[in-house]
Amino acid sequence: MNIAESEQPVKIIAKTCGCKDKGTKITYSFIDAYHSLCIDTKDIITSELEACESLLIRTTDESDRLAIESEIIELKMALDLMP
């Protein structure tokens, strides 16, 4: 019997946290990371970007939206600066 395990790209969930006084921040959580010790930095940033874009679609709070848009800009800049 052959069993094939398909490995998906890094799955990350983005969440907003914080209060309105201190500002909203974005946190990330790995989901079922297979071989999480061998993940490339570029793959992580790309997955964080995808998670933020998904979160942006679902958010309704304006302060969260601004924080997520700012995070997306920073992640895109980090990808652009990578070799």
Protein backbone atom coordinates (compact mmCIF):
# COMPACT_ATOMS: atom_id res chain seq x y z
CA MET A 1 0.00 0.00 0.00
CA ASN A 2 1.35 3.41 -0.96
CA ILE A 3 0.48 6.34 1.23
CA ALA A 4 1.27 9.75 -0.10
CA GLU A 5 1.22 12.75 2.15
CA SER A 6 0.79 15.99 0.30
CA GLU A 7 2.56 18.84 1.96
CA GLN A 8 0.82 22.16 1.57
CA PRO A 9 2.58 25.50 1.74
CA VAL A 10 2.97 27.02 5.16
CA LYS A 11 -0.44 27.77 6.62
CA ILE A 12 -0.62 30.76 8.89
CA ILE A 13 -3.58 32.47 10.53
CA ALA A 14 -3.47 36.21 11.19
CA LYS A 15 -5.38 37.73 14.10
CA THR A 16 -5.71 41.24 15.45
CA CYS A 17 -5.06 41.95 19.08
CA GLY A 18 -4.63 44.93 21.34
CA CYS A 19 -6.79 47.69 22.63
CA LYS A 20 -7.73 51.01 21.14
CA ASP A 21 -5.50 52.91 23.61
CA LYS A 22 -2.28 51.09 22.70
CA GLY A 23 -3.11 50.33 19.08
CA THR A 24 -4.00 47.19 17.21
CA LYS A 25 -1.33 44.63 16.35
CA ILE A 26 -1.31 41.61 14.08
CA THR A 27 -0.32 38.21 15.47
CA TYR A 28 0.34 35.02 13.52
CA SER A 29 -0.17 31.34 14.32
CA PHE A 30 1.08 28.31 12.40
CA ILE A 31 -1.47 25.66 11.46
CA ASP A 32 -0.24 22.10 11.04
CA ALA A 33 3.25 23.17 10.05
CA TYR A 34 4.95 20.14 8.56
CA HIS A 35 8.72 20.34 8.99
CA SER A 36 8.41 23.76 10.57
CA LEU A 37 12.14 23.87 11.21
CA CYS A 38 12.88 23.92 7.48
CA ILE A 39 10.73 26.87 6.45
CA ASP A 40 12.35 29.58 4.39
CA THR A 41 11.95 33.19 5.54
CA LYS A 42 10.47 34.19 2.20
CA ASP A 43 7.84 31.43 2.50
CA ILE A 44 6.89 32.63 5.98
CA ILE A 45 6.51 36.25 4.89
CA THR A 46 4.48 35.18 1.85
CA SER A 47 2.18 33.12 4.06
CA GLU A 48 1.81 36.02 6.50
CA LEU A 49 0.88 38.27 3.58
CA GLU A 50 -1.78 35.81 2.40
CA ALA A 51 -3.15 35.53 5.94
CA CYS A 52 -3.35 39.32 6.28
CA GLU A 53 -5.11 39.67 2.94
CA SER A 54 -7.63 37.04 4.02
CA LEU A 55 -8.12 38.81 7.35
CA LEU A 56 -8.61 42.15 5.60
CA ILE A 57 -11.52 40.74 3.63
CA ARG A 58 -13.28 39.57 6.80
CA THR A 59 -12.67 42.54 9.08
CA THR A 60 -15.35 45.11 9.86
CA ASP A 61 -13.62 47.33 12.43
CA GLU A 62 -11.94 50.41 10.98
CA SER A 63 -8.97 50.42 13.41
CA ASP A 64 -8.32 46.75 12.60
CA ARG A 65 -8.53 47.52 8.90
CA LEU A 66 -5.91 50.27 9.19
CA ALA A 67 -3.57 48.01 11.17
CA ILE A 68 -3.94 45.18 8.65
CA GLU A 69 -3.36 47.49 5.67
CA SER A 70 -0.23 48.84 7.35
CA GLU A 71 1.00 45.28 8.01
CA ILE A 72 0.38 44.31 4.37
CA ILE A 73 2.47 47.27 3.20
CA GLU A 74 5.32 46.30 5.54
CA LEU A 75 5.22 42.65 4.45
CA LYS A 76 5.29 43.61 0.75
CA MET A 77 8.25 45.90 1.40
CA ALA A 78 10.06 43.11 3.23
CA LEU A 79 9.49 40.77 0.27
CA ASP A 80 10.76 43.40 -2.14
CA LEU A 81 13.96 43.84 -0.14
CA MET A 82 14.73 40.12 -0.02
CA PRO A 83 17.19 38.73 -2.59
